Amino acid sequence: MSQTQYTFSVIDSHTGGEPTRVVYCGFPELSGSSLQEQCADFANRFDHLRRALILEPRGSEVLVGALLCKPQDPASAAGVIFFNNSGYLGMCGHGTIGLIKTLQHLKRIDVGMHTIETPVGNVRCTLHEDGSVSVRNVPSYRYRKDMSLDVEGIGSITGDIAWGGNWFFLVSNHGCAITPDNLEQLTNVSWRIRTALNAQGITGKDGQEIDHIELFGKTDTANSRSFVLCPGKAYDRSPCGTGTSAKMACLAADGVWPPEKEWIQESVIGSRFAASYETFSDDLHPERLIIPTIKGEAHIHAASEIFVNADDPFRYGIETS
């Protein structure tokens, strides 16, 4: 008889087509007095469980995990650590929208405003009467404008570096059609850009790796259409909450989009987020800071238990790289 090592209770949802798996029961207790320390403990002692929960055969390369944690502040609705097929995310916009809907499904919250703690700061979320969710994200900013980059097989391109909860390189002059039938080229170009950034030592602030690539294009159905390549080489089906936050930071820095005015960001598959921002300042950042708000919808599609059995040769996932 098979011996079960772990049993995880999970809720699966998608936000604009991008899946989120909230793990709310069964995970070993993490050590650390902050979510940053707990995330580090997760990575150091339990990374095999990240692989078990995210990789095939129990997951997929596009799935984002959200480990529900006890908040540091009792007034907060929850703490969360986001993770995917390649590692850990500071913040995840679509995942936060999915988390709020999951907490409602678990009857832990109701319509209204709620604080979610993440390793990169607190986000304030509003669950609306119509079921949509607004996420008031962490402070965001553009770090560098019009950075020149030589990309193998493509040539010279320019892009902005911005923080929206993760580090992004945002490019408009990429020459690609941002359409669902062009995913192979979009992925190839984005991965080449990321490879070039690493090879040429171009980073975010304090040497932090730029692990998200965001390509923009025009559309008749929104203000902009985007393709976002995530760290594990999977593309974001949603418009990407942190990527849209980075985009808003660039728009604000250029003075081409006013505070509070709604911006509609469309994904490569046509799903949408509504975004706006307010200005913000502190003593730690010389850059122009904004607080972006991203609004979208999530849909719950499964509640299940995941078993990790001792005799399963793929109990910790199928490694493909």
Protein backbone atom coordinates (compact mmCIF):
# COMPACT_ATOMS: atom_id res chain seq x y z
CA MET A 1 0.00 0.00 0.00
CA SER A 2 1.33 3.42 -0.98
CA GLN A 3 2.46 5.66 1.86
CA THR A 4 1.33 9.28 1.59
CA GLN A 5 4.06 11.72 2.62
CA TYR A 6 2.01 14.90 2.15
CA THR A 7 -1.64 15.80 1.60
CA PHE A 8 -2.31 19.35 0.42
CA SER A 9 -5.71 21.05 0.25
CA VAL A 10 -5.85 23.42 -2.72
CA ILE A 11 -8.23 25.69 -4.60
CA ASP A 12 -7.58 26.27 -8.30
CA SER A 13 -8.76 29.37 -10.14
CA HIS A 14 -7.86 31.40 -13.19
CA THR A 15 -7.62 35.16 -13.65
CA GLY A 16 -7.97 36.21 -17.27
CA GLY A 17 -6.91 32.70 -18.27
CA GLU A 18 -3.85 32.56 -15.98
CA PRO A 19 -4.17 29.83 -13.33
CA THR A 20 -3.53 30.14 -9.59
CA ARG A 21 -3.34 27.28 -7.09
CA VAL A 22 -3.89 28.38 -3.49
CA VAL A 23 -2.43 25.92 -0.97
CA TYR A 24 -4.34 26.43 2.27
CA CYS A 25 -3.73 23.27 4.28
CA GLY A 26 -1.07 20.56 4.65
CA PHE A 27 2.13 22.53 4.13
CA PRO A 28 4.88 22.18 6.78
CA GLU A 29 5.30 25.13 9.14
CA LEU A 30 7.82 27.68 7.92
CA SER A 31 10.33 29.36 10.20
CA GLY A 32 10.97 33.11 10.22
CA SER A 33 9.49 36.24 11.73
CA SER A 34 8.67 37.83 8.36
CA LEU A 35 7.32 36.64 5.03
CA GLN A 36 10.74 37.32 3.48
CA GLU A 37 12.33 34.94 5.98
CA GLN A 38 9.56 32.38 5.53
CA CYS A 39 9.96 32.55 1.74
CA ALA A 40 13.69 31.91 2.17
CA ASP A 41 12.91 28.93 4.42
CA PHE A 42 10.46 27.61 1.82
CA ALA A 43 13.20 27.80 -0.81
CA ASN A 44 15.91 26.30 1.40
CA ARG A 45 14.01 23.42 3.03
CA PHE A 46 10.92 22.74 0.96
CA ASP A 47 11.70 23.57 -2.65
CA HIS A 48 10.88 19.94 -3.51
CA LEU A 49 7.29 20.71 -2.46
CA ARG A 50 7.19 23.70 -4.80
CA ARG A 51 8.10 21.29 -7.58
CA ALA A 52 5.54 18.71 -6.41
CA LEU A 53 2.72 21.27 -6.43
CA ILE A 54 3.60 23.12 -9.64
CA LEU A 55 5.33 20.79 -12.07
CA GLU A 56 3.73 18.00 -14.06
CA PRO A 57 2.09 15.58 -13.39
CA ARG A 58 0.14 17.60 -10.76
CA GLY A 59 0.58 21.00 -12.33
CA SER A 60 1.91 22.72 -15.44
CA GLU A 61 4.52 25.25 -16.47
CA VAL A 62 1.98 28.07 -16.51
CA LEU A 63 0.56 27.44 -13.02
CA VAL A 64 1.33 29.90 -10.20
CA GLY A 65 1.17 28.66 -6.63
CA ALA A 66 0.08 30.75 -3.65
CA LEU A 67 0.92 29.41 -0.20
CA LEU A 68 -1.49 30.82 2.34
CA CYS A 69 0.41 31.98 5.43
CA LYS A 70 -0.55 33.42 8.79
CA PRO A 71 -0.32 37.22 8.52
CA GLN A 72 2.09 39.15 10.71
CA ASP A 73 -0.65 41.68 11.47
CA PRO A 74 -3.87 40.11 12.81
CA ALA A 75 -5.82 42.81 10.98
CA SER A 76 -4.62 41.45 7.61
CA ALA A 77 -6.73 38.87 5.79
CA ALA A 78 -3.76 36.65 4.93
CA GLY A 79 -0.10 36.37 4.12
CA VAL A 80 0.98 34.72 0.88
CA ILE A 81 4.10 33.39 -0.81
CA PHE A 82 3.83 33.08 -4.60
CA PHE A 83 5.84 30.49 -6.52
CA ASN A 84 5.99 29.02 -10.02
CA ASN A 85 7.83 26.43 -12.11
CA SER A 86 11.20 28.15 -11.72
CA GLY A 87 11.16 29.64 -8.21
CA TYR A 88 9.51 32.36 -6.15
CA LEU A 89 7.73 35.63 -6.97
CA GLY A 90 7.76 38.74 -4.82
CA MET A 91 4.25 39.67 -5.85
CA CYS A 92 1.70 38.34 -8.33
CA GLY A 93 -1.22 40.48 -9.46
CA HIS A 94 -3.36 37.82 -11.11
CA GLY A 95 -2.54 35.47 -8.21
CA THR A 96 -3.71 38.03 -5.66
CA ILE A 97 -7.01 38.42 -7.49
CA GLY A 98 -7.36 34.63 -7.46
CA LEU A 99 -6.41 34.52 -3.77
CA ILE A 100 -9.13 37.02 -2.83
CA LYS A 101 -11.76 34.97 -4.65
CA THR A 102 -10.44 31.83 -2.94
CA LEU A 103 -10.66 33.42 0.51
CA GLN A 104 -14.25 34.35 -0.28
CA HIS A 105 -14.94 30.78 -1.40
CA LEU A 106 -13.48 29.51 1.91
CA LYS A 107 -15.77 32.00 3.72
CA ARG A 108 -12.80 33.76 5.31
CA ILE A 109 -13.65 37.17 3.83
CA ASP A 110 -16.64 38.95 2.36
CA VAL A 111 -17.24 41.95 0.11
CA GLY A 112 -15.08 44.87 1.19
CA MET A 113 -11.46 45.92 1.63
CA HIS A 114 -8.76 43.47 2.75
CA THR A 115 -4.98 43.59 3.29
CA ILE A 116 -2.78 40.83 1.92
CA GLU A 117 0.81 40.58 3.11
CA THR A 118 3.49 39.58 0.56
CA PRO A 119 7.29 39.26 0.81
CA VAL A 120 7.67 42.63 -0.96
CA GLY A 121 5.05 44.54 1.01
CA ASN A 122 1.36 44.76 1.78
CA VAL A 123 -1.29 45.11 -0.89
CA ARG A 124 -4.80 46.41 -0.28
CA CYS A 125 -7.52 44.54 -2.09
CA THR A 126 -11.20 45.26 -2.61
CA LEU A 127 -13.71 42.52 -3.30
CA HIS A 128 -16.56 44.25 -5.12
CA GLU A 129 -20.25 43.43 -5.06
CA ASP A 130 -20.09 42.21 -8.68
CA GLY A 131 -17.34 39.72 -7.80
CA SER A 132 -14.48 41.62 -9.40
CA VAL A 133 -11.34 42.38 -7.40
CA SER A 134 -9.16 45.49 -7.24
CA VAL A 135 -5.57 45.19 -6.05
CA ARG A 136 -3.81 48.31 -4.79
CA ASN A 137 -0.29 47.13 -5.49
CA VAL A 138 3.08 47.85 -3.91
CA PRO A 139 4.84 51.13 -4.85
CA SER A 140 6.04 50.89 -8.45
CA TYR A 141 8.50 52.91 -10.50
CA ARG A 142 10.53 53.12 -13.67
CA TYR A 143 14.19 52.52 -12.97
CA ARG A 144 15.73 53.14 -16.41
CA LYS A 145 14.34 54.61 -19.66
CA ASP A 146 15.33 53.68 -23.24
CA MET A 147 18.01 51.16 -22.34
CA SER A 148 19.80 49.94 -25.47
CA LEU A 149 20.26 46.20 -25.79
CA ASP A 150 21.96 44.08 -28.47
CA VAL A 151 19.97 40.90 -28.94
CA GLU A 152 21.34 37.92 -30.85
CA GLY A 153 19.42 37.27 -34.04
CA ILE A 154 17.36 40.45 -33.61
CA GLY A 155 19.74 43.39 -33.40
CA SER A 156 19.53 46.52 -31.29
CA ILE A 157 16.36 47.25 -29.33
CA THR A 158 15.46 49.70 -26.59
CA GLY A 159 13.35 49.16 -23.53
CA ASP A 160 12.49 50.49 -20.09
CA ILE A 161 13.31 48.79 -16.79
CA ALA A 162 10.53 49.06 -14.23
CA TRP A 163 9.43 47.58 -10.92
CA GLY A 164 5.80 46.59 -10.38
CA GLY A 165 6.33 43.96 -7.70
CA ASN A 166 8.68 42.05 -10.02
CA TRP A 167 11.36 43.40 -12.37
CA PHE A 168 10.36 43.98 -16.00
CA PHE A 169 12.04 44.92 -19.24
CA LEU A 170 9.33 46.61 -21.34
CA VAL A 171 9.74 46.76 -25.12
CA SER A 172 7.63 48.29 -27.89
CA ASN A 173 10.00 48.12 -30.90
CA HIS A 174 10.13 44.32 -31.08
CA GLY A 175 8.61 43.82 -34.53
CA CYS A 176 6.28 40.98 -33.46
CA ALA A 177 2.54 40.61 -33.86
CA ILE A 178 1.03 40.15 -30.41
CA THR A 179 -1.53 37.54 -31.36
CA PRO A 180 -2.35 34.03 -30.09
CA ASP A 181 -1.13 32.48 -33.37
CA ASN A 182 2.33 34.02 -32.90
CA LEU A 183 3.25 32.63 -29.48
CA GLU A 184 6.34 30.78 -30.67
CA GLN A 185 7.98 33.92 -32.10
CA LEU A 186 6.93 36.03 -29.11
CA THR A 187 8.41 33.49 -26.70
CA ASN A 188 11.63 33.18 -28.72
CA VAL A 189 12.15 36.94 -28.97
CA SER A 190 11.37 37.49 -25.28
CA TRP A 191 13.73 34.73 -24.18
CA ARG A 192 16.50 36.14 -26.37
CA ILE A 193 15.95 39.53 -24.74
CA ARG A 194 16.18 38.04 -21.27
CA THR A 195 19.32 36.11 -22.22
CA ALA A 196 20.89 39.31 -23.55
CA LEU A 197 20.03 41.22 -20.37
CA ASN A 198 21.80 38.60 -18.27
CA ALA A 199 24.79 38.36 -20.62
CA GLN A 200 25.27 42.15 -20.70
CA GLY A 201 24.84 42.58 -16.95
CA ILE A 202 21.73 44.75 -17.19
CA THR A 203 19.73 44.50 -14.00
CA GLY A 204 17.14 46.17 -11.87
CA LYS A 205 18.02 48.24 -8.81
CA ASP A 206 20.77 46.86 -6.56
CA GLY A 207 21.68 44.23 -9.12
CA GLN A 208 18.34 42.42 -8.96
CA GLU A 209 17.66 40.15 -11.92
CA ILE A 210 15.13 41.26 -14.52
CA ASP A 211 13.15 38.05 -14.88
CA HIS A 212 10.01 39.24 -16.73
CA ILE A 213 9.95 40.45 -20.34
CA GLU A 214 6.98 42.48 -21.53
CA LEU A 215 6.29 43.21 -25.20
CA PHE A 216 3.68 45.81 -26.11
CA GLY A 217 1.60 46.43 -29.19
CA LYS A 218 -1.46 48.31 -30.40
CA THR A 219 -5.02 47.05 -30.44
CA ASP A 220 -8.42 48.49 -31.30
CA THR A 221 -10.07 46.95 -28.23
CA ALA A 222 -7.91 48.38 -25.40
CA ASN A 223 -5.25 51.00 -24.69
CA SER A 224 -2.53 48.42 -25.22
CA ARG A 225 -1.99 44.70 -25.81
CA SER A 226 0.90 42.85 -24.17
CA PHE A 227 2.80 39.59 -24.14
CA VAL A 228 4.58 38.78 -20.88
CA LEU A 229 7.18 36.03 -20.56
CA CYS A 230 7.53 34.85 -16.98
CA PRO A 231 10.71 33.51 -15.31
CA GLY A 232 10.04 29.85 -16.14
CA LYS A 233 9.66 30.61 -19.88
CA ALA A 234 5.85 30.34 -19.76
CA TYR A 235 3.80 33.23 -21.09
CA ASP A 236 1.20 34.98 -18.95
CA ARG A 237 -2.33 34.35 -20.18
CA SER A 238 -3.58 37.35 -18.21
CA PRO A 239 -2.46 40.94 -18.85
CA CYS A 240 -0.12 40.44 -15.82
CA GLY A 241 -0.85 42.54 -12.74
CA THR A 242 2.73 43.39 -11.84
CA GLY A 243 3.54 43.94 -15.52
CA THR A 244 0.61 46.33 -15.90
CA SER A 245 1.83 48.09 -12.76
CA ALA A 246 5.28 48.47 -14.35
CA LYS A 247 3.62 49.82 -17.50
CA MET A 248 1.67 52.39 -15.48
CA ALA A 249 4.91 53.47 -13.79
CA CYS A 250 6.43 54.16 -17.22
CA LEU A 251 3.35 56.04 -18.42
CA ALA A 252 3.42 58.16 -15.26
CA ALA A 253 7.15 58.85 -15.58
CA ASP A 254 6.66 60.02 -19.18
CA GLY A 255 3.72 62.21 -18.16
CA VAL A 256 1.47 60.75 -20.86
CA TRP A 257 -1.24 59.28 -18.62
CA PRO A 258 -2.76 61.16 -15.68
CA PRO A 259 -3.42 59.75 -12.20
CA GLU A 260 -6.79 58.08 -11.55
CA LYS A 261 -7.64 57.74 -15.26
CA GLU A 262 -8.46 54.17 -16.23
CA TRP A 263 -6.11 52.30 -18.58
CA ILE A 264 -7.27 49.04 -20.19
CA GLN A 265 -4.49 46.50 -20.64
CA GLU A 266 -5.23 43.50 -22.83
CA SER A 267 -3.34 40.20 -22.85
CA VAL A 268 -2.20 38.23 -25.87
CA ILE A 269 -5.33 36.06 -25.55
CA GLY A 270 -7.67 39.06 -25.18
CA SER A 271 -8.36 39.09 -21.43
CA ARG A 272 -8.28 42.49 -19.74
CA PHE A 273 -7.29 44.36 -16.61
CA ALA A 274 -8.38 47.89 -15.80
CA ALA A 275 -5.56 49.93 -14.25
CA SER A 276 -5.06 53.34 -12.69
CA TYR A 277 -2.54 54.92 -10.37
CA GLU A 278 -1.96 57.54 -7.73
CA THR A 279 1.30 59.34 -7.06
CA PHE A 280 3.39 58.46 -4.04
CA SER A 281 6.72 59.46 -2.52
CA ASP A 282 9.02 58.32 0.25
CA ASP A 283 12.58 58.92 1.43
CA LEU A 284 13.96 55.64 0.06
CA HIS A 285 13.38 56.11 -3.67
CA PRO A 286 14.62 59.01 -5.80
CA GLU A 287 12.52 57.59 -8.65
CA ARG A 288 8.98 58.81 -9.27
CA LEU A 289 6.80 56.36 -7.37
CA ILE A 290 3.21 55.43 -8.08
CA ILE A 291 0.68 53.19 -6.37
CA PRO A 292 -1.07 51.24 -9.14
CA THR A 293 -4.47 49.64 -8.79
CA ILE A 294 -5.33 46.66 -10.97
CA LYS A 295 -8.90 45.41 -11.38
CA GLY A 296 -9.86 42.03 -12.81
CA GLU A 297 -11.93 38.91 -12.33
CA ALA A 298 -11.04 35.40 -11.20
CA HIS A 299 -13.03 32.20 -11.56
CA ILE A 300 -12.68 29.20 -9.26
CA HIS A 301 -12.79 25.89 -11.09
CA ALA A 302 -11.54 23.21 -8.67
CA ALA A 303 -11.20 22.31 -5.01
CA SER A 304 -9.12 19.23 -4.34
CA GLU A 305 -6.55 17.35 -2.32
CA ILE A 306 -3.10 16.67 -3.75
CA PHE A 307 -1.22 13.60 -2.57
CA VAL A 308 2.54 13.17 -2.61
CA ASN A 309 3.25 9.45 -2.21
CA ALA A 310 6.58 7.94 -1.19
CA ASP A 311 6.57 5.33 -3.97
CA ASP A 312 5.72 7.80 -6.75
CA PRO A 313 8.83 8.26 -8.94
CA PHE A 314 7.54 11.72 -9.90
CA ARG A 315 6.40 12.75 -6.43
CA TYR A 316 8.48 15.93 -6.72
CA GLY A 317 7.50 16.72 -10.28
CA ILE A 318 8.96 16.09 -13.70
CA GLU A 319 12.09 18.16 -14.27
CA THR A 320 12.51 19.18 -17.91
CA SER A 321 15.53 21.47 -17.62
